[in-house]
Amino acid sequence: MSEIKNGRILEAGCGTGRWAERLAPMGFEMVLSDLSPKMLHYAQDFAEQYGFADKLSFSELDICDMHSLLNNSFDMVLSTGEPLTMCANPEKAISELCRVVSPGGYLICDAGNRYRKAFDLSHRKEFDQVLKVLETGDYVPENGLTQHLLGPGELVDLLKANKMEIHNLAGITPMFSFPPDNELKDALEHESIFRDMLEISKTYAERPGIVNLSRRLLAVARKPELNETSINK
């Protein structure tokens, strides 16, 4: 974070503003965007209640089309909580997220893992969806809202296709569900279990086997700075 001290940050698909609560009080100027006016209203009310709304602005935007945001206009873009999974087109969304990152800036995003989803569906004997998830990455739960899932290699390839350098690829919640079920929530109330799960995440999160196993994938990518070579081409 020291590299973007007092920089400008976009929280894309912000929901209730999970990052703004931590970053705005640190002095960062932030734009919060979401497709849902309800979520933006909630995020704004929360920020006003806790006194950091003066550092925020809000935009009702689909992450697949953020036309009102200029190219190269943010030092960091955050898109977590799986907006990539829930959007209409992850490829377009990643292209937009990368477009608005400044040279030298960072993108942090997450996505549901299609291979872990297929494994879980098989375990639940929902075989009618397993092959579709493996072949297309699309999963349709009971609520009817299609999820677009990516494999680890696909996420990396999409970022690289948009000229981003991959700094980290990690697996989130490799040993349990997301969101956690009630049984898991109860287990994590025990300090020793929580400590062990935290240690697993810290030690193993970036190992390829754990990444492949995880339900959520987290990528940190950086847009290269313009250099003399690229300017002269």
Foldseek 3Di string as FASTA:
>chain_A
DVVQQLWEEEEEQCQLNPPCVPVLVSNHQYEYEHQDPVRVVNNLVVCVVVPRNVSYDYDNDQLLPPPVAAFQAGQEYEYEPASCFQGPHNLSNLLSRLRRHHAQHKYKYKHFALLLVLVVCVVVVVPVCNVVCVVFVWDQDPVRRITRGHHQVRVVVSNVVSQKAWDAKFADPLPADVVGDPVVVVVCVDPVSVVVSVVCCVPPGRPVVSSRRHRMMMTMIHHHHDDPVNVVD
